[in-house]
Amino acid sequence: MTTHILIDVDGVLINGEYFSQELSKAYGIPLEAIMPFFKEKFGACVLGKADLKEEIQPYLETWGWQDGVEALLKFWFSSDEEVEYPLLARMGVWRSEGLKIYLASNQEKYRRDYVMEGLCFGQHVDGAFFSCDPGMKKTDPRFFAEALRQMGVPANQVIYFDDEEENLESARSVGIPSILYAGLKDVEDWEMGRK
């Protein structure tokens, strides 16, 4: 019986374009000038091994960004606020039924805080697992093994929704039943199967 639900953030609970695309469109910065940051530095931030504000600073001049790091992060985080409210409402129903809801996401620490506090997702879940905390991304099965340990339940009591197959495979490798999420219908189909 399912008692705990893991939900991905980007591509599931939040939709929209990548920050790099938003920045390029809004400020006319070529994507080829933006992408080196993500290829060279961002990965360490997502693993909690580097500070985003420090790592992105040297790139601002290249991008022609003159408003400072804080303004850039504000634009970044607010540019992807396309919250899937029907799913958020469904999560509330699940919690009212006694299910425990947790987020599972690859995030660096500043966006982690924004997701939980700025978007108030922390009020809608029982907890969250972010890659920056254990220093492991979701493609690493140890990420999910640690989530299971913290939740204190066996894998077969968990269901996981994510829009990326490689993350699902990682979760399945530790026994967590997982569903590829393409829209709310995937959640509805799972719910029908429970009845």
N, C-alpha and C. Protein backbone atom coordinates (compact mmCIF):
# COMPACT_ATOMS: atom_id res chain seq x y z
N MET A 1 0.84 -1.20 0.00
CA MET A 1 0.00 0.00 0.00
C MET A 1 0.88 1.26 0.00
N THR A 2 0.53 2.20 -0.84
CA THR A 2 1.30 3.45 -0.91
C THR A 2 0.99 4.34 0.28
N THR A 3 2.04 4.78 0.95
CA THR A 3 1.88 5.72 2.07
C THR A 3 2.63 7.03 1.85
N HIS A 4 3.60 7.00 0.92
CA HIS A 4 4.44 8.18 0.67
C HIS A 4 4.54 8.44 -0.83
N ILE A 5 4.48 9.71 -1.21
CA ILE A 5 4.58 10.10 -2.62
C ILE A 5 5.75 11.06 -2.77
N LEU A 6 6.63 10.75 -3.72
CA LEU A 6 7.75 11.62 -4.09
C LEU A 6 7.39 12.33 -5.39
N ILE A 7 7.60 13.64 -5.42
CA ILE A 7 7.24 14.42 -6.61
C ILE A 7 8.42 15.30 -7.03
N ASP A 8 8.76 15.20 -8.29
CA ASP A 8 9.80 16.06 -8.88
C ASP A 8 9.29 17.50 -8.93
N VAL A 9 10.22 18.45 -8.98
CA VAL A 9 9.83 19.86 -9.06
C VAL A 9 9.80 20.33 -10.51
N ASP A 10 10.94 20.52 -11.13
CA ASP A 10 10.99 21.07 -12.49
C ASP A 10 10.51 20.05 -13.52
N GLY A 11 9.51 20.44 -14.30
CA GLY A 11 8.94 19.55 -15.30
C GLY A 11 7.73 18.80 -14.79
N VAL A 12 7.46 18.89 -13.49
CA VAL A 12 6.28 18.25 -12.91
C VAL A 12 5.47 19.28 -12.13
N LEU A 13 6.00 19.73 -11.02
CA LEU A 13 5.27 20.70 -10.20
C LEU A 13 5.44 22.13 -10.71
N ILE A 14 6.54 22.37 -11.41
CA ILE A 14 6.77 23.66 -12.07
C ILE A 14 7.08 23.39 -13.53
N ASN A 15 6.45 24.15 -14.41
CA ASN A 15 6.76 24.02 -15.83
C ASN A 15 7.21 25.36 -16.38
N GLY A 16 7.78 25.33 -17.56
CA GLY A 16 8.28 26.56 -18.16
C GLY A 16 9.60 26.32 -18.86
N GLU A 17 10.13 27.37 -19.46
CA GLU A 17 11.41 27.24 -20.16
C GLU A 17 12.57 27.26 -19.19
N TYR A 18 13.72 26.78 -19.65
CA TYR A 18 14.93 26.86 -18.85
C TYR A 18 15.30 28.33 -18.64
N PHE A 19 15.95 28.59 -17.50
CA PHE A 19 16.41 29.94 -17.20
C PHE A 19 17.29 30.49 -18.32
N SER A 20 18.17 29.66 -18.86
CA SER A 20 19.07 30.12 -19.92
C SER A 20 18.28 30.67 -21.11
N GLN A 21 17.19 29.99 -21.46
CA GLN A 21 16.36 30.44 -22.58
C GLN A 21 15.62 31.73 -22.23
N GLU A 22 15.12 31.80 -20.99
CA GLU A 22 14.41 33.01 -20.53
C GLU A 22 15.36 34.21 -20.54
N LEU A 23 16.56 34.02 -20.03
CA LEU A 23 17.54 35.11 -19.96
C LEU A 23 17.93 35.57 -21.36
N SER A 24 18.12 34.62 -22.25
CA SER A 24 18.50 34.93 -23.62
C SER A 24 17.41 35.75 -24.32
N LYS A 25 16.15 35.32 -24.16
CA LYS A 25 15.03 36.02 -24.80
C LYS A 25 14.80 37.40 -24.21
N ALA A 26 14.84 37.49 -22.88
CA ALA A 26 14.49 38.75 -22.21
C ALA A 26 15.57 39.81 -22.38
N TYR A 27 16.83 39.41 -22.46
CA TYR A 27 17.91 40.39 -22.48
C TYR A 27 18.80 40.31 -23.71
N GLY A 28 18.44 39.46 -24.66
CA GLY A 28 19.19 39.38 -25.91
C GLY A 28 20.59 38.84 -25.75
N ILE A 29 20.82 38.03 -24.73
CA ILE A 29 22.13 37.43 -24.51
C ILE A 29 22.18 36.10 -25.27
N PRO A 30 23.18 35.93 -26.13
CA PRO A 30 23.24 34.69 -26.91
C PRO A 30 23.34 33.46 -25.99
N LEU A 31 22.60 32.42 -26.33
CA LEU A 31 22.65 31.19 -25.54
C LEU A 31 24.07 30.64 -25.42
N GLU A 32 24.85 30.79 -26.50
CA GLU A 32 26.22 30.26 -26.47
C GLU A 32 27.10 31.00 -25.46
N ALA A 33 26.68 32.19 -25.06
CA ALA A 33 27.41 32.91 -24.00
C ALA A 33 26.96 32.48 -22.61
N ILE A 34 25.72 32.00 -22.52
CA ILE A 34 25.15 31.60 -21.22
C ILE A 34 25.53 30.18 -20.85
N MET A 35 25.55 29.29 -21.83
CA MET A 35 25.69 27.86 -21.54
C MET A 35 27.01 27.46 -20.89
N PRO A 36 28.14 28.14 -21.14
CA PRO A 36 29.37 27.72 -20.46
C PRO A 36 29.25 27.69 -18.93
N PHE A 37 28.48 28.61 -18.36
CA PHE A 37 28.30 28.58 -16.90
C PHE A 37 27.67 27.26 -16.47
N PHE A 38 26.64 26.82 -17.20
CA PHE A 38 25.95 25.60 -16.82
C PHE A 38 26.81 24.36 -17.07
N LYS A 39 27.65 24.42 -18.09
CA LYS A 39 28.50 23.28 -18.39
C LYS A 39 29.71 23.21 -17.46
N GLU A 40 30.20 24.37 -17.02
CA GLU A 40 31.45 24.40 -16.26
C GLU A 40 31.26 24.49 -14.75
N LYS A 41 30.24 25.21 -14.28
CA LYS A 41 30.17 25.54 -12.86
C LYS A 41 28.90 25.09 -12.14
N PHE A 42 27.78 25.05 -12.84
CA PHE A 42 26.50 24.85 -12.16
C PHE A 42 26.38 23.48 -11.51
N GLY A 43 26.98 22.47 -12.12
CA GLY A 43 26.88 21.12 -11.58
C GLY A 43 27.36 21.02 -10.15
N ALA A 44 28.45 21.71 -9.83
CA ALA A 44 28.98 21.67 -8.46
C ALA A 44 28.03 22.36 -7.49
N CYS A 45 27.30 23.37 -7.96
CA CYS A 45 26.32 24.06 -7.11
C CYS A 45 25.16 23.14 -6.78
N VAL A 46 24.71 22.38 -7.77
CA VAL A 46 23.58 21.47 -7.58
C VAL A 46 23.95 20.36 -6.59
N LEU A 47 25.24 20.05 -6.51
CA LEU A 47 25.70 19.03 -5.57
C LEU A 47 26.09 19.62 -4.21
N GLY A 48 25.90 20.93 -4.05
CA GLY A 48 26.22 21.56 -2.78
C GLY A 48 27.71 21.72 -2.55
N LYS A 49 28.50 21.61 -3.60
CA LYS A 49 29.96 21.70 -3.46
C LYS A 49 30.50 23.08 -3.84
N ALA A 50 29.63 23.97 -4.30
CA ALA A 50 30.03 25.32 -4.66
C ALA A 50 28.84 26.25 -4.44
N ASP A 51 29.12 27.53 -4.26
CA ASP A 51 28.08 28.53 -4.00
C ASP A 51 27.69 29.20 -5.31
N LEU A 52 26.41 29.14 -5.65
CA LEU A 52 25.92 29.69 -6.92
C LEU A 52 26.29 31.16 -7.08
N LYS A 53 26.11 31.95 -6.02
CA LYS A 53 26.38 33.39 -6.13
C LYS A 53 27.83 33.67 -6.46
N GLU A 54 28.72 32.86 -5.91
CA GLU A 54 30.15 33.05 -6.18
C GLU A 54 30.51 32.56 -7.57
N GLU A 55 29.94 31.43 -7.96
CA GLU A 55 30.31 30.82 -9.25
C GLU A 55 29.77 31.60 -10.44
N ILE A 56 28.61 32.23 -10.28
CA ILE A 56 28.00 32.92 -11.42
C ILE A 56 28.56 34.34 -11.62
N GLN A 57 29.12 34.89 -10.55
CA GLN A 57 29.61 36.28 -10.58
C GLN A 57 30.53 36.58 -11.77
N PRO A 58 31.55 35.75 -12.05
CA PRO A 58 32.46 36.07 -13.16
C PRO A 58 31.79 36.10 -14.54
N TYR A 59 30.63 35.49 -14.65
CA TYR A 59 29.95 35.43 -15.95
C TYR A 59 29.11 36.67 -16.24
N LEU A 60 28.82 37.45 -15.21
CA LEU A 60 27.92 38.59 -15.40
C LEU A 60 28.45 39.60 -16.41
N GLU A 61 29.74 39.85 -16.36
CA GLU A 61 30.33 40.82 -17.29
C GLU A 61 30.21 40.31 -18.72
N THR A 62 30.48 39.02 -18.92
CA THR A 62 30.36 38.42 -20.26
C THR A 62 28.94 38.56 -20.79
N TRP A 63 27.97 38.43 -19.90
CA TRP A 63 26.57 38.51 -20.29
C TRP A 63 26.07 39.95 -20.41
N GLY A 64 26.88 40.90 -19.95
CA GLY A 64 26.44 42.29 -19.98
C GLY A 64 25.41 42.60 -18.91
N TRP A 65 25.39 41.79 -17.85
CA TRP A 65 24.43 41.98 -16.75
C TRP A 65 25.05 42.92 -15.73
N GLN A 66 24.39 44.06 -15.48
CA GLN A 66 24.98 45.08 -14.62
C GLN A 66 24.23 45.28 -13.30
N ASP A 67 23.19 44.51 -13.05
CA ASP A 67 22.37 44.72 -11.86
C ASP A 67 22.76 43.88 -10.66
N GLY A 68 23.83 43.11 -10.78
CA GLY A 68 24.31 42.33 -9.65
C GLY A 68 23.69 40.94 -9.56
N VAL A 69 24.31 40.12 -8.71
CA VAL A 69 23.92 38.72 -8.59
C VAL A 69 22.51 38.57 -8.02
N GLU A 70 22.17 39.34 -7.00
CA GLU A 70 20.86 39.18 -6.36
C GLU A 70 19.72 39.43 -7.35
N ALA A 71 19.87 40.46 -8.17
CA ALA A 71 18.83 40.76 -9.16
C ALA A 71 18.75 39.65 -10.21
N LEU A 72 19.90 39.09 -10.56
CA LEU A 72 19.90 38.00 -11.54
C LEU A 72 19.17 36.78 -10.98
N LEU A 73 19.46 36.44 -9.73
CA LEU A 73 18.79 35.28 -9.13
C LEU A 73 17.29 35.54 -8.97
N LYS A 74 16.93 36.76 -8.67
CA LYS A 74 15.50 37.09 -8.56
C LYS A 74 14.82 36.87 -9.91
N PHE A 75 15.45 37.33 -10.98
CA PHE A 75 14.89 37.11 -12.32
C PHE A 75 14.83 35.61 -12.62
N TRP A 76 15.90 34.91 -12.30
CA TRP A 76 15.98 33.46 -12.56
C TRP A 76 14.85 32.72 -11.87
N PHE A 77 14.73 32.91 -10.59
CA PHE A 77 13.78 32.12 -9.83
C PHE A 77 12.33 32.50 -10.14
N SER A 78 12.09 33.77 -10.41
CA SER A 78 10.72 34.19 -10.69
C SER A 78 10.32 33.91 -12.14
N SER A 79 11.30 33.62 -12.99
CA SER A 79 10.98 33.39 -14.40
C SER A 79 10.37 32.02 -14.64
N ASP A 80 10.46 31.14 -13.63
CA ASP A 80 9.90 29.79 -13.83
C ASP A 80 8.82 29.48 -12.80
N GLU A 81 7.93 30.44 -12.62
CA GLU A 81 6.89 30.27 -11.62
C GLU A 81 5.59 29.69 -12.19
N GLU A 82 5.70 28.91 -13.25
CA GLU A 82 4.51 28.29 -13.83
C GLU A 82 4.15 27.05 -13.02
N VAL A 83 3.54 27.28 -11.87
CA VAL A 83 3.20 26.21 -10.96
C VAL A 83 2.00 25.41 -11.50
N GLU A 84 2.07 24.11 -11.39
CA GLU A 84 0.97 23.24 -11.80
C GLU A 84 -0.03 23.17 -10.64
N TYR A 85 -0.91 24.15 -10.57
CA TYR A 85 -1.83 24.25 -9.44
C TYR A 85 -2.79 23.06 -9.31
N PRO A 86 -3.24 22.46 -10.43
CA PRO A 86 -4.09 21.28 -10.26
C PRO A 86 -3.37 20.13 -9.53
N LEU A 87 -2.07 19.97 -9.81
CA LEU A 87 -1.30 18.95 -9.11
C LEU A 87 -1.09 19.34 -7.65
N LEU A 88 -0.84 20.61 -7.41
CA LEU A 88 -0.67 21.09 -6.04
C LEU A 88 -1.95 20.84 -5.23
N ALA A 89 -3.10 21.06 -5.87
CA ALA A 89 -4.38 20.80 -5.20
C ALA A 89 -4.55 19.31 -4.91
N ARG A 90 -4.14 18.48 -5.87
CA ARG A 90 -4.23 17.03 -5.68
C ARG A 90 -3.36 16.59 -4.51
N MET A 91 -2.20 17.21 -4.38
CA MET A 91 -1.31 16.90 -3.25
C MET A 91 -2.01 17.19 -1.92
N GLY A 92 -2.78 18.26 -1.88
CA GLY A 92 -3.52 18.60 -0.67
C GLY A 92 -4.55 17.54 -0.33
N VAL A 93 -5.19 17.01 -1.38
CA VAL A 93 -6.17 15.93 -1.18
C VAL A 93 -5.47 14.69 -0.62
N TRP A 94 -4.33 14.35 -1.20
CA TRP A 94 -3.58 13.18 -0.72
C TRP A 94 -3.21 13.32 0.75
N ARG A 95 -2.74 14.50 1.11
CA ARG A 95 -2.35 14.70 2.51
C ARG A 95 -3.57 14.59 3.43
N SER A 96 -4.72 15.07 2.96
CA SER A 96 -5.93 14.97 3.79
C SER A 96 -6.35 13.51 3.97
N GLU A 97 -5.92 12.66 3.04
CA GLU A 97 -6.20 11.22 3.13
C GLU A 97 -5.16 10.47 3.95
N GLY A 98 -4.15 11.20 4.43
CA GLY A 98 -3.13 10.58 5.27
C GLY A 98 -1.84 10.21 4.57
N LEU A 99 -1.76 10.47 3.26
CA LEU A 99 -0.51 10.20 2.54
C LEU A 99 0.52 11.27 2.87
N LYS A 100 1.78 10.87 2.87
CA LYS A 100 2.88 11.80 3.11
C LYS A 100 3.47 12.20 1.75
N ILE A 101 3.66 13.51 1.55
CA ILE A 101 4.15 14.04 0.27
C ILE A 101 5.52 14.65 0.46
N TYR A 102 6.45 14.26 -0.41
CA TYR A 102 7.82 14.79 -0.37
C TYR A 102 8.24 15.23 -1.78
N LEU A 103 9.01 16.29 -1.85
CA LEU A 103 9.62 16.70 -3.11
C LEU A 103 10.95 15.98 -3.28
N ALA A 104 11.33 15.72 -4.52
CA ALA A 104 12.63 15.13 -4.84
C ALA A 104 13.16 15.88 -6.05
N SER A 105 14.25 16.62 -5.87
CA SER A 105 14.66 17.53 -6.93
C SER A 105 16.16 17.79 -6.93
N ASN A 106 16.71 17.99 -8.13
CA ASN A 106 18.08 18.45 -8.27
C ASN A 106 18.06 19.98 -8.18
N GLN A 107 18.56 20.52 -7.08
CA GLN A 107 18.54 21.98 -6.87
C GLN A 107 19.79 22.41 -6.11
N GLU A 108 20.22 23.64 -6.38
CA GLU A 108 21.25 24.22 -5.52
C GLU A 108 20.55 24.94 -4.36
N LYS A 109 21.29 25.37 -3.38
CA LYS A 109 20.68 25.77 -2.11
C LYS A 109 19.80 27.02 -2.18
N TYR A 110 20.12 27.99 -3.04
CA TYR A 110 19.30 29.20 -3.08
C TYR A 110 17.95 28.93 -3.75
N ARG A 111 17.96 28.13 -4.79
CA ARG A 111 16.67 27.82 -5.41
C ARG A 111 15.89 26.82 -4.55
N ARG A 112 16.58 25.96 -3.85
CA ARG A 112 15.91 25.09 -2.88
C ARG A 112 15.10 25.92 -1.91
N ASP A 113 15.74 26.96 -1.37
CA ASP A 113 15.06 27.82 -0.40
C ASP A 113 13.90 28.57 -1.05
N TYR A 114 14.10 28.99 -2.30
CA TYR A 114 13.04 29.70 -3.01
C TYR A 114 11.84 28.79 -3.26
N VAL A 115 12.10 27.56 -3.66
CA VAL A 115 11.03 26.60 -3.91
C VAL A 115 10.24 26.36 -2.63
N MET A 116 10.94 26.18 -1.53
CA MET A 116 10.27 25.83 -0.28
C MET A 116 9.60 27.04 0.39
N GLU A 117 10.25 28.20 0.33
CA GLU A 117 9.74 29.37 1.04
C GLU A 117 9.12 30.41 0.10
N GLY A 118 9.82 30.75 -0.98
CA GLY A 118 9.31 31.76 -1.90
C GLY A 118 8.04 31.32 -2.60
N LEU A 119 8.00 30.07 -3.03
CA LEU A 119 6.80 29.52 -3.67
C LEU A 119 5.88 28.84 -2.66
N CYS A 120 6.32 28.80 -1.42
CA CYS A 120 5.53 28.23 -0.31
C CYS A 120 5.24 26.74 -0.47
N PHE A 121 6.06 26.03 -1.25
CA PHE A 121 5.85 24.59 -1.39
C PHE A 121 6.03 23.87 -0.06
N GLY A 122 6.84 24.46 0.81
CA GLY A 122 7.06 23.84 2.11
C GLY A 122 5.78 23.65 2.90
N GLN A 123 4.78 24.48 2.61
CA GLN A 123 3.49 24.38 3.29
C GLN A 123 2.62 23.24 2.75
N HIS A 124 3.02 22.71 1.60
CA HIS A 124 2.20 21.71 0.92
C HIS A 124 2.78 20.30 0.98
N VAL A 125 3.95 20.16 1.62
CA VAL A 125 4.60 18.86 1.66
C VAL A 125 5.03 18.53 3.09
N ASP A 126 5.34 17.25 3.28
CA ASP A 126 5.82 16.80 4.59
C ASP A 126 7.33 16.86 4.69
N GLY A 127 7.99 17.08 3.57
CA GLY A 127 9.44 17.16 3.55
C GLY A 127 9.94 17.24 2.13
N ALA A 128 11.25 17.32 1.97
CA ALA A 128 11.83 17.45 0.63
C ALA A 128 13.25 16.93 0.62
N PHE A 129 13.64 16.42 -0.53
CA PHE A 129 15.00 15.93 -0.72
C PHE A 129 15.59 16.67 -1.93
N PHE A 130 16.65 17.41 -1.67
CA PHE A 130 17.30 18.20 -2.72
C PHE A 130 18.75 17.74 -2.87
N SER A 131 19.22 17.68 -4.10
CA SER A 131 20.55 17.15 -4.40
C SER A 131 21.66 17.89 -3.66
N CYS A 132 21.47 19.17 -3.40
CA CYS A 132 22.53 19.95 -2.76
C CYS A 132 22.79 19.53 -1.31
N ASP A 133 21.83 18.84 -0.70
CA ASP A 133 22.00 18.46 0.70
C ASP A 133 22.85 17.20 0.88
N PRO A 134 22.52 16.10 0.20
CA PRO A 134 23.38 14.92 0.36
C PRO A 134 24.57 14.93 -0.60
N GLY A 135 24.58 15.89 -1.56
CA GLY A 135 25.66 15.93 -2.54
C GLY A 135 25.53 14.84 -3.59
N MET A 136 24.28 14.47 -3.89
CA MET A 136 24.02 13.44 -4.89
C MET A 136 22.82 13.85 -5.73
N LYS A 137 22.93 13.66 -7.05
CA LYS A 137 21.79 13.94 -7.92
C LYS A 137 20.88 12.73 -7.98
N LYS A 138 19.70 12.93 -8.56
CA LYS A 138 18.72 11.87 -8.60
C LYS A 138 19.11 10.71 -9.51
N THR A 139 20.08 10.91 -10.37
CA THR A 139 20.57 9.80 -11.20
C THR A 139 21.40 8.82 -10.38
N ASP A 140 21.76 9.21 -9.17
CA ASP A 140 22.52 8.35 -8.25
C ASP A 140 21.54 7.62 -7.35
N PRO A 141 21.47 6.30 -7.42
CA PRO A 141 20.53 5.55 -6.58
C PRO A 141 20.67 5.85 -5.09
N ARG A 142 21.84 6.28 -4.66
CA ARG A 142 22.03 6.61 -3.25
C ARG A 142 21.14 7.77 -2.81
N PHE A 143 20.77 8.65 -3.75
CA PHE A 143 19.85 9.75 -3.45
C PHE A 143 18.54 9.17 -2.92
N PHE A 144 18.02 8.17 -3.62
CA PHE A 144 16.74 7.59 -3.23
C PHE A 144 16.87 6.66 -2.03
N ALA A 145 18.02 6.02 -1.91
CA ALA A 145 18.24 5.19 -0.71
C ALA A 145 18.23 6.07 0.53
N GLU A 146 18.83 7.25 0.42
CA GLU A 146 18.84 8.17 1.56
C GLU A 146 17.43 8.72 1.82
N ALA A 147 16.67 8.98 0.77
CA ALA A 147 15.29 9.44 0.95
C ALA A 147 14.47 8.38 1.69
N LEU A 148 14.64 7.13 1.31
CA LEU A 148 13.93 6.05 1.99
C LEU A 148 14.32 5.98 3.46
N ARG A 149 15.62 6.12 3.71
CA ARG A 149 16.09 6.07 5.09
C ARG A 149 15.45 7.17 5.93
N GLN A 150 15.41 8.38 5.37
CA GLN A 150 14.84 9.50 6.11
C GLN A 150 13.33 9.39 6.28
N MET A 151 12.64 8.85 5.28
CA MET A 151 11.20 8.67 5.40
C MET A 151 10.86 7.51 6.32
N GLY A 152 11.77 6.57 6.44
CA GLY A 152 11.56 5.44 7.33
C GLY A 152 10.52 4.44 6.86
N VAL A 153 10.43 4.29 5.54
CA VAL A 153 9.45 3.33 4.98
C VAL A 153 10.14 2.46 3.94
N PRO A 154 9.59 1.25 3.69
CA PRO A 154 10.14 0.42 2.62
C PRO A 154 9.78 1.01 1.25
N ALA A 155 10.60 0.67 0.27
CA ALA A 155 10.43 1.23 -1.08
C ALA A 155 9.05 0.96 -1.67
N ASN A 156 8.46 -0.20 -1.35
CA ASN A 156 7.17 -0.54 -1.98
C ASN A 156 6.00 0.26 -1.42
N GLN A 157 6.25 1.11 -0.43
CA GLN A 157 5.20 1.99 0.08
C GLN A 157 5.28 3.40 -0.52
N VAL A 158 6.19 3.57 -1.48
CA VAL A 158 6.44 4.88 -2.09
C VAL A 158 6.06 4.84 -3.57
N ILE A 159 5.55 5.94 -4.08
CA ILE A 159 5.38 6.12 -5.53
C ILE A 159 6.09 7.41 -5.90
N TYR A 160 6.74 7.42 -7.05
CA TYR A 160 7.56 8.56 -7.46
C TYR A 160 7.15 9.02 -8.86
N PHE A 161 6.92 10.33 -9.00
CA PHE A 161 6.59 10.95 -10.29
C PHE A 161 7.72 11.87 -10.73
N ASP A 162 8.20 11.65 -11.96
CA ASP A 162 9.27 12.48 -12.52
C ASP A 162 9.11 12.52 -14.02
N ASP A 163 9.60 13.58 -14.65
CA ASP A 163 9.48 13.70 -16.10
C ASP A 163 10.72 13.23 -16.84
N GLU A 164 11.71 12.71 -16.11
CA GLU A 164 12.95 12.25 -16.75
C GLU A 164 13.18 10.78 -16.43
N GLU A 165 13.27 9.99 -17.48
CA GLU A 165 13.38 8.54 -17.33
C GLU A 165 14.62 8.12 -16.54
N GLU A 166 15.73 8.82 -16.71
CA GLU A 166 16.95 8.40 -16.00
C GLU A 166 16.79 8.53 -14.49
N ASN A 167 16.01 9.51 -14.05
CA ASN A 167 15.74 9.63 -12.61
C ASN A 167 14.84 8.49 -12.14
N LEU A 168 13.86 8.14 -12.96
CA LEU A 168 12.96 7.04 -12.62
C LEU A 168 13.72 5.74 -12.52
N GLU A 169 14.63 5.51 -13.43
CA GLU A 169 15.43 4.27 -13.40
C GLU A 169 16.25 4.19 -12.13
N SER A 170 16.78 5.33 -11.70
CA SER A 170 17.56 5.37 -10.47
C SER A 170 16.70 5.00 -9.27
N ALA A 171 15.49 5.54 -9.21
CA ALA A 171 14.57 5.23 -8.12
C ALA A 171 14.15 3.76 -8.16
N ARG A 172 13.88 3.27 -9.37
CA ARG A 172 13.46 1.87 -9.50
C ARG A 172 14.57 0.92 -9.06
N SER A 173 15.82 1.33 -9.24
CA SER A 173 16.94 0.45 -8.89
C SER A 173 17.01 0.18 -7.39
N VAL A 174 16.36 1.04 -6.58
CA VAL A 174 16.31 0.77 -5.14
C VAL A 174 14.92 0.31 -4.73
N GLY A 175 14.09 -0.03 -5.73
CA GLY A 175 12.80 -0.65 -5.46
C GLY A 175 11.60 0.27 -5.41
N ILE A 176 11.79 1.57 -5.70
CA ILE A 176 10.67 2.52 -5.63
C ILE A 176 9.86 2.47 -6.92
N PRO A 177 8.57 2.14 -6.86
CA PRO A 177 7.72 2.20 -8.05
C PRO A 177 7.68 3.64 -8.57
N SER A 178 7.87 3.80 -9.89
CA SER A 178 8.03 5.14 -10.44
C SER A 178 7.25 5.30 -11.74
N ILE A 179 6.71 6.51 -11.94
CA ILE A 179 5.86 6.79 -13.10
C ILE A 179 6.39 8.01 -13.85
N LEU A 180 6.52 7.86 -15.16
CA LEU A 180 6.92 8.98 -16.01
C LEU A 180 5.76 9.96 -16.09
N TYR A 181 6.03 11.21 -15.73
CA TYR A 181 4.98 12.24 -15.67
C TYR A 181 5.03 13.11 -16.92
N ALA A 182 3.93 13.11 -17.66
CA ALA A 182 3.81 14.00 -18.81
C ALA A 182 2.66 14.99 -18.62
N GLY A 183 1.87 14.77 -17.59
CA GLY A 183 0.73 15.65 -17.30
C GLY A 183 -0.12 15.04 -16.21
N LEU A 184 -1.14 15.78 -15.82
CA LEU A 184 -1.98 15.37 -14.70
C LEU A 184 -2.66 14.02 -14.95
N LYS A 185 -2.87 13.66 -16.21
CA LYS A 185 -3.51 12.38 -16.52
C LYS A 185 -2.72 11.21 -15.96
N ASP A 186 -1.40 11.35 -15.90
CA ASP A 186 -0.58 10.26 -15.37
C ASP A 186 -0.86 10.05 -13.88
N VAL A 187 -1.12 11.13 -13.18
CA VAL A 187 -1.49 11.05 -11.76
C VAL A 187 -2.89 10.45 -11.64
N GLU A 188 -3.80 10.90 -12.48
CA GLU A 188 -5.18 10.41 -12.43
C GLU A 188 -5.23 8.91 -12.74
N ASP A 189 -4.42 8.47 -13.70
CA ASP A 189 -4.38 7.04 -14.04
C ASP A 189 -3.87 6.23 -12.84
N TRP A 190 -2.86 6.75 -12.16
CA TRP A 190 -2.33 6.06 -10.98
C TRP A 190 -3.41 5.98 -9.89
N GLU A 191 -4.12 7.09 -9.71
CA GLU A 191 -5.17 7.10 -8.70
C GLU A 191 -6.27 6.08 -9.02
N MET A 192 -6.61 5.97 -10.28
CA MET A 192 -7.64 5.00 -10.69
C MET A 192 -7.18 3.57 -10.38
N GLY A 193 -5.89 3.33 -10.55
CA GLY A 193 -5.34 2.01 -10.28
C GLY A 193 -5.32 1.66 -8.81
N ARG A 194 -5.39 2.67 -7.96
CA ARG A 194 -5.39 2.43 -6.51
C ARG A 194 -6.76 1.98 -6.03
N LYS A 195 -7.81 2.34 -6.79
CA LYS A 195 -9.17 2.11 -6.32
C LYS A 195 -9.65 0.70 -6.61
